[in-house]
Structures are given as structure tokens and as C-alpha cells.
mmCIF file of all heavy atoms, coordinates in Angstrom:
data_MODEL
# 
_entry.id   MODEL 
# 
loop_
_atom_site.group_PDB 
_atom_site.id 
_atom_site.type_symbol 
_atom_site.label_atom_id 
_atom_site.label_alt_id 
_atom_site.label_comp_id 
_atom_site.label_asym_id 
_atom_site.label_entity_id 
_atom_site.label_seq_id 
_atom_site.pdbx_PDB_ins_code 
_atom_site.Cartn_x 
_atom_site.Cartn_y 
_atom_site.Cartn_z 
_atom_site.occupancy 
_atom_site.B_iso_or_equiv 
_atom_site.pdbx_formal_charge 
_atom_site.auth_seq_id 
_atom_site.auth_comp_id 
_atom_site.auth_asym_id 
_atom_site.auth_atom_id 
_atom_site.pdbx_PDB_model_num 
ATOM 1   N N   . SER A 1 1  ? 0.864  -1.212  0.003  1.00 0.00 ? 1  SER A N   1 
ATOM 2   C CA  . SER A 1 1  ? -0.027 0.027   0.021  1.00 0.00 ? 1  SER A CA  1 
ATOM 3   C C   . SER A 1 1  ? 0.861  1.241   -0.022 1.00 0.00 ? 1  SER A C   1 
ATOM 4   O O   . SER A 1 1  ? 0.337  2.319   -0.239 1.00 0.00 ? 1  SER A O   1 
ATOM 5   C CB  . SER A 1 1  ? -0.963 0.012   1.205  1.00 0.00 ? 1  SER A CB  1 
ATOM 6   O OG  . SER A 1 1  ? -0.188 -0.081  2.431  1.00 0.00 ? 1  SER A OG  1 
ATOM 7   N N   . ARG A 1 2  ? 2.157  1.132   0.244  1.00 0.00 ? 2  ARG A N   1 
ATOM 8   C CA  . ARG A 1 2  ? 3.031  2.195   0.109  1.00 0.00 ? 2  ARG A CA  1 
ATOM 9   C C   . ARG A 1 2  ? 3.933  2.078   -1.087 1.00 0.00 ? 2  ARG A C   1 
ATOM 10  O O   . ARG A 1 2  ? 4.149  0.978   -1.597 1.00 0.00 ? 2  ARG A O   1 
ATOM 11  C CB  . ARG A 1 2  ? 3.886  2.338   1.459  1.00 0.00 ? 2  ARG A CB  1 
ATOM 12  C CG  . ARG A 1 2  ? 3.134  2.790   2.651  1.00 0.00 ? 2  ARG A CG  1 
ATOM 13  C CD  . ARG A 1 2  ? 4.058  3.082   3.797  1.00 0.00 ? 2  ARG A CD  1 
ATOM 14  N NE  . ARG A 1 2  ? 3.329  3.572   4.933  1.00 0.00 ? 2  ARG A NE  1 
ATOM 15  C CZ  . ARG A 1 2  ? 3.073  4.754   5.192  1.00 0.00 ? 2  ARG A CZ  1 
ATOM 16  N NH1 . ARG A 1 2  ? 3.492  5.707   4.390  1.00 0.00 ? 2  ARG A NH1 1 
ATOM 17  N NH2 . ARG A 1 2  ? 2.408  5.176   6.260  1.00 0.00 ? 2  ARG A NH2 1 
ATOM 18  N N   . SER A 1 3  ? 4.578  3.182   -1.490 1.00 0.00 ? 3  SER A N   1 
ATOM 19  C CA  . SER A 1 3  ? 5.411  3.158   -2.646 1.00 0.00 ? 3  SER A CA  1 
ATOM 20  C C   . SER A 1 3  ? 6.595  2.148   -2.466 1.00 0.00 ? 3  SER A C   1 
ATOM 21  O O   . SER A 1 3  ? 7.184  2.116   -1.421 1.00 0.00 ? 3  SER A O   1 
ATOM 22  C CB  . SER A 1 3  ? 6.028  4.514   -2.966 1.00 0.00 ? 3  SER A CB  1 
ATOM 23  O OG  . SER A 1 3  ? 7.009  4.500   -3.923 1.00 0.00 ? 3  SER A OG  1 
ATOM 24  N N   . ILE A 1 4  ? 6.771  1.388   -3.460 1.00 0.00 ? 4  ILE A N   1 
ATOM 25  C CA  . ILE A 1 4  ? 7.830  0.362   -3.366 1.00 0.00 ? 4  ILE A CA  1 
ATOM 26  C C   . ILE A 1 4  ? 9.232  1.049   -3.267 1.00 0.00 ? 4  ILE A C   1 
ATOM 27  O O   . ILE A 1 4  ? 10.161 0.412   -2.820 1.00 0.00 ? 4  ILE A O   1 
ATOM 28  C CB  . ILE A 1 4  ? 7.772  -0.597  -4.566 1.00 0.00 ? 4  ILE A CB  1 
ATOM 29  C CG1 . ILE A 1 4  ? 8.348  -1.981  -4.264 1.00 0.00 ? 4  ILE A CG1 1 
ATOM 30  C CG2 . ILE A 1 4  ? 8.407  0.006   -5.826 1.00 0.00 ? 4  ILE A CG2 1 
ATOM 31  C CD1 . ILE A 1 4  ? 7.931  -3.020  -5.218 1.00 0.00 ? 4  ILE A CD1 1 
ATOM 32  N N   . PHE A 1 5  ? 9.270  2.336   -3.666 1.00 0.00 ? 5  PHE A N   1 
ATOM 33  C CA  . PHE A 1 5  ? 10.573 3.021   -3.504 1.00 0.00 ? 5  PHE A CA  1 
ATOM 34  C C   . PHE A 1 5  ? 10.935 3.257   -2.111 1.00 0.00 ? 5  PHE A C   1 
ATOM 35  O O   . PHE A 1 5  ? 12.049 3.527   -1.737 1.00 0.00 ? 5  PHE A O   1 
ATOM 36  C CB  . PHE A 1 5  ? 10.498 4.377   -4.317 1.00 0.00 ? 5  PHE A CB  1 
ATOM 37  C CG  . PHE A 1 5  ? 10.538 4.224   -5.751 1.00 0.00 ? 5  PHE A CG  1 
ATOM 38  C CD1 . PHE A 1 5  ? 9.530  4.593   -6.558 1.00 0.00 ? 5  PHE A CD1 1 
ATOM 39  C CD2 . PHE A 1 5  ? 11.731 3.756   -6.395 1.00 0.00 ? 5  PHE A CD2 1 
ATOM 40  C CE1 . PHE A 1 5  ? 9.563  4.447   -7.912 1.00 0.00 ? 5  PHE A CE1 1 
ATOM 41  C CE2 . PHE A 1 5  ? 11.771 3.591   -7.780 1.00 0.00 ? 5  PHE A CE2 1 
ATOM 42  C CZ  . PHE A 1 5  ? 10.701 3.987   -8.550 1.00 0.00 ? 5  PHE A CZ  1 
ATOM 43  N N   . SER A 1 6  ? 9.898  3.231   -1.213 1.00 0.00 ? 6  SER A N   1 
ATOM 44  C CA  . SER A 1 6  ? 10.151 3.465   0.302  1.00 0.00 ? 6  SER A CA  1 
ATOM 45  C C   . SER A 1 6  ? 10.461 2.143   0.991  1.00 0.00 ? 6  SER A C   1 
ATOM 46  O O   . SER A 1 6  ? 10.624 2.275   2.220  1.00 0.00 ? 6  SER A O   1 
ATOM 47  C CB  . SER A 1 6  ? 8.848  4.097   0.853  1.00 0.00 ? 6  SER A CB  1 
ATOM 48  O OG  . SER A 1 6  ? 7.808  3.233   0.845  1.00 0.00 ? 6  SER A OG  1 
ATOM 49  N N   . ILE A 1 7  ? 10.537 1.042   0.241  1.00 0.00 ? 7  ILE A N   1 
ATOM 50  C CA  . ILE A 1 7  ? 10.760 -0.185  0.909  1.00 0.00 ? 7  ILE A CA  1 
ATOM 51  C C   . ILE A 1 7  ? 12.089 -0.812  0.394  1.00 0.00 ? 7  ILE A C   1 
ATOM 52  O O   . ILE A 1 7  ? 12.178 -1.050  -0.811 1.00 0.00 ? 7  ILE A O   1 
ATOM 53  C CB  . ILE A 1 7  ? 9.593  -1.190  0.655  1.00 0.00 ? 7  ILE A CB  1 
ATOM 54  C CG1 . ILE A 1 7  ? 8.295  -0.632  1.198  1.00 0.00 ? 7  ILE A CG1 1 
ATOM 55  C CG2 . ILE A 1 7  ? 9.855  -2.516  1.252  1.00 0.00 ? 7  ILE A CG2 1 
ATOM 56  C CD1 . ILE A 1 7  ? 7.079  -1.329  0.697  1.00 0.00 ? 7  ILE A CD1 1 
ATOM 57  N N   . ASN A 1 8  ? 13.028 -1.025  1.261  1.00 0.00 ? 8  ASN A N   1 
ATOM 58  C CA  . ASN A 1 8  ? 14.332 -1.577  0.884  1.00 0.00 ? 8  ASN A CA  1 
ATOM 59  C C   . ASN A 1 8  ? 14.475 -3.051  1.142  1.00 0.00 ? 8  ASN A C   1 
ATOM 60  O O   . ASN A 1 8  ? 15.380 -3.680  0.665  1.00 0.00 ? 8  ASN A O   1 
ATOM 61  C CB  . ASN A 1 8  ? 15.467 -0.894  1.678  1.00 0.00 ? 8  ASN A CB  1 
ATOM 62  C CG  . ASN A 1 8  ? 15.535 0.617   1.226  1.00 0.00 ? 8  ASN A CG  1 
ATOM 63  O OD1 . ASN A 1 8  ? 15.429 0.890   0.077  1.00 0.00 ? 8  ASN A OD1 1 
ATOM 64  N ND2 . ASN A 1 8  ? 15.808 1.456   2.185  1.00 0.00 ? 8  ASN A ND2 1 
ATOM 65  N N   . ASP A 1 9  ? 13.566 -3.592  1.937  1.00 0.00 ? 9  ASP A N   1 
ATOM 66  C CA  . ASP A 1 9  ? 13.701 -4.987  2.324  1.00 0.00 ? 9  ASP A CA  1 
ATOM 67  C C   . ASP A 1 9  ? 12.368 -5.705  2.097  1.00 0.00 ? 9  ASP A C   1 
ATOM 68  O O   . ASP A 1 9  ? 11.352 -5.368  2.787  1.00 0.00 ? 9  ASP A O   1 
ATOM 69  C CB  . ASP A 1 9  ? 14.102 -5.019  3.852  1.00 0.00 ? 9  ASP A CB  1 
ATOM 70  C CG  . ASP A 1 9  ? 14.323 -6.434  4.363  1.00 0.00 ? 9  ASP A CG  1 
ATOM 71  O OD1 . ASP A 1 9  ? 14.024 -7.427  3.657  1.00 0.00 ? 9  ASP A OD1 1 
ATOM 72  O OD2 . ASP A 1 9  ? 14.755 -6.573  5.474  1.00 0.00 ? 9  ASP A OD2 1 
ATOM 73  N N   . MET A 1 10 ? 12.297 -6.609  1.181  1.00 0.00 ? 10 MET A N   1 
ATOM 74  C CA  . MET A 1 10 ? 11.119 -7.315  0.810  1.00 0.00 ? 10 MET A CA  1 
ATOM 75  C C   . MET A 1 10 ? 11.446 -8.757  0.460  1.00 0.00 ? 10 MET A C   1 
ATOM 76  O O   . MET A 1 10 ? 12.544 -9.008  0.038  1.00 0.00 ? 10 MET A O   1 
ATOM 77  C CB  . MET A 1 10 ? 10.348 -6.562  -0.274 1.00 0.00 ? 10 MET A CB  1 
ATOM 78  C CG  . MET A 1 10 ? 11.079 -6.550  -1.570 1.00 0.00 ? 10 MET A CG  1 
ATOM 79  S SD  . MET A 1 10 ? 10.347 -5.421  -2.762 1.00 0.00 ? 10 MET A SD  1 
ATOM 80  C CE  . MET A 1 10 ? 10.895 -3.843  -2.184 1.00 0.00 ? 10 MET A CE  1 
ATOM 81  N N   . GLY A 1 11 ? 10.433 -9.582  0.592  1.00 0.00 ? 11 GLY A N   1 
ATOM 82  C CA  . GLY A 1 11 ? 10.735 -11.000 0.291  1.00 0.00 ? 11 GLY A CA  1 
ATOM 83  C C   . GLY A 1 11 ? 9.538  -11.868 0.319  1.00 0.00 ? 11 GLY A C   1 
ATOM 84  O O   . GLY A 1 11 ? 8.413  -11.506 0.516  1.00 0.00 ? 11 GLY A O   1 
ATOM 85  N N   . TRP A 1 12 ? 9.871  -13.142 -0.016 1.00 0.00 ? 12 TRP A N   1 
ATOM 86  C CA  . TRP A 1 12 ? 8.858  -14.243 -0.101 1.00 0.00 ? 12 TRP A CA  1 
ATOM 87  C C   . TRP A 1 12 ? 9.231  -15.348 0.877  1.00 0.00 ? 12 TRP A C   1 
ATOM 88  O O   . TRP A 1 12 ? 10.429 -15.729 0.958  1.00 0.00 ? 12 TRP A O   1 
ATOM 89  C CB  . TRP A 1 12 ? 8.692  -14.748 -1.445 1.00 0.00 ? 12 TRP A CB  1 
ATOM 90  C CG  . TRP A 1 12 ? 8.110  -13.790 -2.421 1.00 0.00 ? 12 TRP A CG  1 
ATOM 91  C CD1 . TRP A 1 12 ? 8.793  -12.918 -3.191 1.00 0.00 ? 12 TRP A CD1 1 
ATOM 92  C CD2 . TRP A 1 12 ? 6.711  -13.581 -2.637 1.00 0.00 ? 12 TRP A CD2 1 
ATOM 93  N NE1 . TRP A 1 12 ? 7.849  -12.156 -3.944 1.00 0.00 ? 12 TRP A NE1 1 
ATOM 94  C CE2 . TRP A 1 12 ? 6.590  -12.578 -3.595 1.00 0.00 ? 12 TRP A CE2 1 
ATOM 95  C CE3 . TRP A 1 12 ? 5.591  -14.209 -2.144 1.00 0.00 ? 12 TRP A CE3 1 
ATOM 96  C CZ2 . TRP A 1 12 ? 5.355  -12.146 -4.059 1.00 0.00 ? 12 TRP A CZ2 1 
ATOM 97  C CZ3 . TRP A 1 12 ? 4.355  -13.790 -2.616 1.00 0.00 ? 12 TRP A CZ3 1 
ATOM 98  C CH2 . TRP A 1 12 ? 4.217  -12.740 -3.509 1.00 0.00 ? 12 TRP A CH2 1 
ATOM 99  N N   . TYR A 1 13 ? 8.251  -15.876 1.579  1.00 0.00 ? 13 TYR A N   1 
ATOM 100 C CA  . TYR A 1 13 ? 8.405  -17.018 2.477  1.00 0.00 ? 13 TYR A CA  1 
ATOM 101 C C   . TYR A 1 13 ? 7.321  -18.015 2.111  1.00 0.00 ? 13 TYR A C   1 
ATOM 102 O O   . TYR A 1 13 ? 6.346  -17.676 1.488  1.00 0.00 ? 13 TYR A O   1 
ATOM 103 C CB  . TYR A 1 13 ? 8.243  -16.543 3.930  1.00 0.00 ? 13 TYR A CB  1 
ATOM 104 C CG  . TYR A 1 13 ? 9.324  -15.626 4.336  1.00 0.00 ? 13 TYR A CG  1 
ATOM 105 C CD1 . TYR A 1 13 ? 9.378  -14.348 3.905  1.00 0.00 ? 13 TYR A CD1 1 
ATOM 106 C CD2 . TYR A 1 13 ? 10.354 -15.976 5.236  1.00 0.00 ? 13 TYR A CD2 1 
ATOM 107 C CE1 . TYR A 1 13 ? 10.378 -13.367 4.271  1.00 0.00 ? 13 TYR A CE1 1 
ATOM 108 C CE2 . TYR A 1 13 ? 11.338 -15.117 5.596  1.00 0.00 ? 13 TYR A CE2 1 
ATOM 109 C CZ  . TYR A 1 13 ? 11.339 -13.904 5.153  1.00 0.00 ? 13 TYR A CZ  1 
ATOM 110 O OH  . TYR A 1 13 ? 12.378 -13.025 5.564  1.00 0.00 ? 13 TYR A OH  1 
ATOM 111 N N   . ARG A 1 14 ? 7.553  -19.225 2.599  1.00 0.00 ? 14 ARG A N   1 
ATOM 112 C CA  . ARG A 1 14 ? 6.443  -20.250 2.354  1.00 0.00 ? 14 ARG A CA  1 
ATOM 113 C C   . ARG A 1 14 ? 6.329  -21.158 3.503  1.00 0.00 ? 14 ARG A C   1 
ATOM 114 O O   . ARG A 1 14 ? 7.320  -21.387 4.296  1.00 0.00 ? 14 ARG A O   1 
ATOM 115 C CB  . ARG A 1 14 ? 6.743  -21.046 1.148  1.00 0.00 ? 14 ARG A CB  1 
ATOM 116 C CG  . ARG A 1 14 ? 7.934  -22.038 1.247  1.00 0.00 ? 14 ARG A CG  1 
ATOM 117 C CD  . ARG A 1 14 ? 8.268  -22.680 -0.138 1.00 0.00 ? 14 ARG A CD  1 
ATOM 118 N NE  . ARG A 1 14 ? 9.408  -23.621 -0.012 1.00 0.00 ? 14 ARG A NE  1 
ATOM 119 C CZ  . ARG A 1 14 ? 10.009 -24.138 -1.082 1.00 0.00 ? 14 ARG A CZ  1 
ATOM 120 N NH1 . ARG A 1 14 ? 9.510  -23.829 -2.287 1.00 0.00 ? 14 ARG A NH1 1 
ATOM 121 N NH2 . ARG A 1 14 ? 11.043 -24.839 -0.939 1.00 0.00 ? 14 ARG A NH2 1 
ATOM 122 N N   . GLN A 1 15 ? 5.134  -21.687 3.666  1.00 0.00 ? 15 GLN A N   1 
ATOM 123 C CA  . GLN A 1 15 ? 4.941  -22.688 4.736  1.00 0.00 ? 15 GLN A CA  1 
ATOM 124 C C   . GLN A 1 15 ? 4.351  -23.872 4.086  1.00 0.00 ? 15 GLN A C   1 
ATOM 125 O O   . GLN A 1 15 ? 3.321  -23.875 3.390  1.00 0.00 ? 15 GLN A O   1 
ATOM 126 C CB  . GLN A 1 15 ? 3.947  -22.154 5.747  1.00 0.00 ? 15 GLN A CB  1 
ATOM 127 C CG  . GLN A 1 15 ? 3.803  -23.019 6.945  1.00 0.00 ? 15 GLN A CG  1 
ATOM 128 C CD  . GLN A 1 15 ? 3.322  -22.264 8.226  1.00 0.00 ? 15 GLN A CD  1 
ATOM 129 O OE1 . GLN A 1 15 ? 2.782  -21.142 8.151  1.00 0.00 ? 15 GLN A OE1 1 
ATOM 130 N NE2 . GLN A 1 15 ? 3.560  -22.864 9.352  1.00 0.00 ? 15 GLN A NE2 1 
ATOM 131 N N   . THR A 1 16 ? 5.111  -24.965 4.169  1.00 0.00 ? 16 THR A N   1 
ATOM 132 C CA  . THR A 1 16 ? 4.662  -26.241 3.576  1.00 0.00 ? 16 THR A CA  1 
ATOM 133 C C   . THR A 1 16 ? 4.200  -27.129 4.723  1.00 0.00 ? 16 THR A C   1 
ATOM 134 O O   . THR A 1 16 ? 4.451  -26.880 5.871  1.00 0.00 ? 16 THR A O   1 
ATOM 135 C CB  . THR A 1 16 ? 5.825  -26.896 2.848  1.00 0.00 ? 16 THR A CB  1 
ATOM 136 O OG1 . THR A 1 16 ? 6.906  -27.010 3.768  1.00 0.00 ? 16 THR A OG1 1 
ATOM 137 C CG2 . THR A 1 16 ? 6.223  -26.050 1.605  1.00 0.00 ? 16 THR A CG2 1 
ATOM 138 N N   . LEU A 1 17 ? 3.523  -28.232 4.296  1.00 0.00 ? 17 LEU A N   1 
ATOM 139 C CA  . LEU A 1 17 ? 2.825  -29.052 5.288  1.00 0.00 ? 17 LEU A CA  1 
ATOM 140 C C   . LEU A 1 17 ? 3.832  -29.592 6.285  1.00 0.00 ? 17 LEU A C   1 
ATOM 141 O O   . LEU A 1 17 ? 4.847  -30.251 5.948  1.00 0.00 ? 17 LEU A O   1 
ATOM 142 C CB  . LEU A 1 17 ? 2.155  -30.240 4.549  1.00 0.00 ? 17 LEU A CB  1 
ATOM 143 C CG  . LEU A 1 17 ? 1.132  -31.052 5.338  1.00 0.00 ? 17 LEU A CG  1 
ATOM 144 C CD1 . LEU A 1 17 ? -0.019 -30.180 5.866  1.00 0.00 ? 17 LEU A CD1 1 
ATOM 145 C CD2 . LEU A 1 17 ? 0.660  -32.237 4.527  1.00 0.00 ? 17 LEU A CD2 1 
ATOM 146 N N   . GLY A 1 18 ? 3.527  -29.426 7.580  1.00 0.00 ? 18 GLY A N   1 
ATOM 147 C CA  . GLY A 1 18 ? 4.318  -29.942 8.662  1.00 0.00 ? 18 GLY A CA  1 
ATOM 148 C C   . GLY A 1 18 ? 5.618  -29.241 8.966  1.00 0.00 ? 18 GLY A C   1 
ATOM 149 O O   . GLY A 1 18 ? 6.372  -29.660 9.795  1.00 0.00 ? 18 GLY A O   1 
ATOM 150 N N   . LYS A 1 19 ? 5.860  -28.063 8.278  1.00 0.00 ? 19 LYS A N   1 
ATOM 151 C CA  . LYS A 1 19 ? 7.070  -27.318 8.460  1.00 0.00 ? 19 LYS A CA  1 
ATOM 152 C C   . LYS A 1 19 ? 6.781  -25.870 8.883  1.00 0.00 ? 19 LYS A C   1 
ATOM 153 O O   . LYS A 1 19 ? 5.699  -25.375 8.608  1.00 0.00 ? 19 LYS A O   1 
ATOM 154 C CB  . LYS A 1 19 ? 7.872  -27.325 7.213  1.00 0.00 ? 19 LYS A CB  1 
ATOM 155 C CG  . LYS A 1 19 ? 8.410  -28.654 6.704  1.00 0.00 ? 19 LYS A CG  1 
ATOM 156 C CD  . LYS A 1 19 ? 9.329  -28.517 5.516  1.00 0.00 ? 19 LYS A CD  1 
ATOM 157 C CE  . LYS A 1 19 ? 9.804  -29.890 5.092  1.00 0.00 ? 19 LYS A CE  1 
ATOM 158 N NZ  . LYS A 1 19 ? 10.700 -29.747 3.857  1.00 0.00 ? 19 LYS A NZ  1 
ATOM 159 N N   . GLU A 1 20 ? 7.687  -25.256 9.518  1.00 0.00 ? 20 GLU A N   1 
ATOM 160 C CA  . GLU A 1 20 ? 7.648  -23.871 9.815  1.00 0.00 ? 20 GLU A CA  1 
ATOM 161 C C   . GLU A 1 20 ? 7.852  -23.018 8.562  1.00 0.00 ? 20 GLU A C   1 
ATOM 162 O O   . GLU A 1 20 ? 8.381  -23.482 7.622  1.00 0.00 ? 20 GLU A O   1 
ATOM 163 C CB  . GLU A 1 20 ? 8.644  -23.550 10.955 1.00 0.00 ? 20 GLU A CB  1 
ATOM 164 C CG  . GLU A 1 20 ? 8.396  -24.229 12.230 1.00 0.00 ? 20 GLU A CG  1 
ATOM 165 C CD  . GLU A 1 20 ? 9.203  -23.698 13.336 1.00 0.00 ? 20 GLU A CD  1 
ATOM 166 O OE1 . GLU A 1 20 ? 9.970  -22.765 13.085 1.00 0.00 ? 20 GLU A OE1 1 
ATOM 167 O OE2 . GLU A 1 20 ? 9.053  -24.174 14.413 1.00 0.00 ? 20 GLU A OE2 1 
ATOM 168 N N   . ARG A 1 21 ? 7.360  -21.793 8.741  1.00 0.00 ? 21 ARG A N   1 
ATOM 169 C CA  . ARG A 1 21 ? 7.563  -20.871 7.597  1.00 0.00 ? 21 ARG A CA  1 
ATOM 170 C C   . ARG A 1 21 ? 9.036  -20.613 7.382  1.00 0.00 ? 21 ARG A C   1 
ATOM 171 O O   . ARG A 1 21 ? 9.807  -20.421 8.246  1.00 0.00 ? 21 ARG A O   1 
ATOM 172 C CB  . ARG A 1 21 ? 6.901  -19.535 7.887  1.00 0.00 ? 21 ARG A CB  1 
ATOM 173 C CG  . ARG A 1 21 ? 6.734  -18.595 6.729  1.00 0.00 ? 21 ARG A CG  1 
ATOM 174 C CD  . ARG A 1 21 ? 5.978  -17.299 7.149  1.00 0.00 ? 21 ARG A CD  1 
ATOM 175 N NE  . ARG A 1 21 ? 4.623  -17.667 7.594  1.00 0.00 ? 21 ARG A NE  1 
ATOM 176 C CZ  . ARG A 1 21 ? 3.667  -16.752 7.901  1.00 0.00 ? 21 ARG A CZ  1 
ATOM 177 N NH1 . ARG A 1 21 ? 3.975  -15.464 7.796  1.00 0.00 ? 21 ARG A NH1 1 
ATOM 178 N NH2 . ARG A 1 21 ? 2.438  -17.088 8.277  1.00 0.00 ? 21 ARG A NH2 1 
ATOM 179 N N   . GLU A 1 22 ? 9.414  -20.700 6.042  1.00 0.00 ? 22 GLU A N   1 
ATOM 180 C CA  . GLU A 1 22 ? 10.790 -20.576 5.690  1.00 0.00 ? 22 GLU A CA  1 
ATOM 181 C C   . GLU A 1 22 ? 11.002 -19.518 4.611  1.00 0.00 ? 22 GLU A C   1 
ATOM 182 O O   . GLU A 1 22 ? 10.103 -19.196 3.781  1.00 0.00 ? 22 GLU A O   1 
ATOM 183 C CB  . GLU A 1 22 ? 11.353 -21.972 5.146  1.00 0.00 ? 22 GLU A CB  1 
ATOM 184 C CG  . GLU A 1 22 ? 10.621 -22.440 3.856  1.00 0.00 ? 22 GLU A CG  1 
ATOM 185 C CD  . GLU A 1 22 ? 11.188 -23.701 3.353  1.00 0.00 ? 22 GLU A CD  1 
ATOM 186 O OE1 . GLU A 1 22 ? 12.175 -24.200 3.870  1.00 0.00 ? 22 GLU A OE1 1 
ATOM 187 O OE2 . GLU A 1 22 ? 10.576 -24.177 2.334  1.00 0.00 ? 22 GLU A OE2 1 
ATOM 188 N N   . LEU A 1 23 ? 12.205 -18.982 4.621  1.00 0.00 ? 23 LEU A N   1 
ATOM 189 C CA  . LEU A 1 23 ? 12.596 -17.977 3.630  1.00 0.00 ? 23 LEU A CA  1 
ATOM 190 C C   . LEU A 1 23 ? 12.686 -18.597 2.216  1.00 0.00 ? 23 LEU A C   1 
ATOM 191 O O   . LEU A 1 23 ? 13.303 -19.733 2.129  1.00 0.00 ? 23 LEU A O   1 
ATOM 192 C CB  . LEU A 1 23 ? 13.906 -17.290 4.012  1.00 0.00 ? 23 LEU A CB  1 
ATOM 193 C CG  . LEU A 1 23 ? 14.472 -16.227 3.121  1.00 0.00 ? 23 LEU A CG  1 
ATOM 194 C CD1 . LEU A 1 23 ? 15.228 -15.225 3.938  1.00 0.00 ? 23 LEU A CD1 1 
ATOM 195 C CD2 . LEU A 1 23 ? 15.369 -16.771 2.004  1.00 0.00 ? 23 LEU A CD2 1 
ATOM 196 N N   . VAL A 1 24 ? 12.132 -17.990 1.228  1.00 0.00 ? 24 VAL A N   1 
ATOM 197 C CA  . VAL A 1 24 ? 12.383 -18.419 -0.139 1.00 0.00 ? 24 VAL A CA  1 
ATOM 198 C C   . VAL A 1 24 ? 13.278 -17.489 -0.887 1.00 0.00 ? 24 VAL A C   1 
ATOM 199 O O   . VAL A 1 24 ? 14.240 -17.996 -1.483 1.00 0.00 ? 24 VAL A O   1 
ATOM 200 C CB  . VAL A 1 24 ? 10.990 -18.541 -0.844 1.00 0.00 ? 24 VAL A CB  1 
ATOM 201 C CG1 . VAL A 1 24 ? 11.166 -18.914 -2.327 1.00 0.00 ? 24 VAL A CG1 1 
ATOM 202 C CG2 . VAL A 1 24 ? 10.066 -19.483 -0.174 1.00 0.00 ? 24 VAL A CG2 1 
ATOM 203 N N   . ALA A 1 25 ? 12.895 -16.190 -0.843 1.00 0.00 ? 25 ALA A N   1 
ATOM 204 C CA  . ALA A 1 25 ? 13.761 -15.266 -1.616 1.00 0.00 ? 25 ALA A CA  1 
ATOM 205 C C   . ALA A 1 25 ? 13.550 -13.879 -0.954 1.00 0.00 ? 25 ALA A C   1 
ATOM 206 O O   . ALA A 1 25 ? 12.362 -13.521 -0.610 1.00 0.00 ? 25 ALA A O   1 
ATOM 207 C CB  . ALA A 1 25 ? 13.428 -15.210 -3.057 1.00 0.00 ? 25 ALA A CB  1 
ATOM 208 N N   . THR A 1 26 ? 14.579 -13.162 -0.830 1.00 0.00 ? 26 THR A N   1 
ATOM 209 C CA  . THR A 1 26 ? 14.438 -11.777 -0.358 1.00 0.00 ? 26 THR A CA  1 
ATOM 210 C C   . THR A 1 26 ? 15.302 -10.840 -1.215 1.00 0.00 ? 26 THR A C   1 
ATOM 211 O O   . THR A 1 26 ? 16.258 -11.293 -1.859 1.00 0.00 ? 26 THR A O   1 
ATOM 212 C CB  . THR A 1 26 ? 14.884 -11.579 1.100  1.00 0.00 ? 26 THR A CB  1 
ATOM 213 O OG1 . THR A 1 26 ? 16.279 -11.898 1.242  1.00 0.00 ? 26 THR A OG1 1 
ATOM 214 C CG2 . THR A 1 26 ? 14.039 -12.510 2.053  1.00 0.00 ? 26 THR A CG2 1 
ATOM 215 N N   . VAL A 1 27 ? 14.989 -9.602  -1.133 1.00 0.00 ? 27 VAL A N   1 
ATOM 216 C CA  . VAL A 1 27 ? 15.871 -8.554  -1.755 1.00 0.00 ? 27 VAL A CA  1 
ATOM 217 C C   . VAL A 1 27 ? 15.996 -7.398  -0.791 1.00 0.00 ? 27 VAL A C   1 
ATOM 218 O O   . VAL A 1 27 ? 15.045 -6.895  -0.321 1.00 0.00 ? 27 VAL A O   1 
ATOM 219 C CB  . VAL A 1 27 ? 15.391 -8.129  -3.179 1.00 0.00 ? 27 VAL A CB  1 
ATOM 220 C CG1 . VAL A 1 27 ? 13.966 -7.556  -3.147 1.00 0.00 ? 27 VAL A CG1 1 
ATOM 221 C CG2 . VAL A 1 27 ? 16.304 -7.108  -3.796 1.00 0.00 ? 27 VAL A CG2 1 
ATOM 222 N N   . ASN A 1 28 ? 17.248 -7.083  -0.458 1.00 0.00 ? 28 ASN A N   1 
ATOM 223 C CA  . ASN A 1 28 ? 17.484 -6.066  0.502  1.00 0.00 ? 28 ASN A CA  1 
ATOM 224 C C   . ASN A 1 28 ? 18.527 -5.089  -0.129 1.00 0.00 ? 28 ASN A C   1 
ATOM 225 O O   . ASN A 1 28 ? 19.605 -5.466  -0.536 1.00 0.00 ? 28 ASN A O   1 
ATOM 226 C CB  . ASN A 1 28 ? 18.151 -6.712  1.748  1.00 0.00 ? 28 ASN A CB  1 
ATOM 227 C CG  . ASN A 1 28 ? 18.227 -5.695  2.905  1.00 0.00 ? 28 ASN A CG  1 
ATOM 228 O OD1 . ASN A 1 28 ? 18.370 -4.547  2.685  1.00 0.00 ? 28 ASN A OD1 1 
ATOM 229 N ND2 . ASN A 1 28 ? 18.187 -6.266  4.115  1.00 0.00 ? 28 ASN A ND2 1 
# 
């Protein structure tokens, strides 16, 4: 909801069956 120019740290995580949420990809 804010400009992407104001965000330096963003990423994707996933939660698969029986596992905790894990990092997939980030950009900082």
C-alpha cells in the first residue's frame, strides 16, 4: 500500500505441510 521506492527489504516465504515458515527469496 506504500510506494515500493520506500521499501528496501522485501521478500517471499512459504509454509509447507508440517514445516515452519521458511525464507524463499528476499531482496535487501
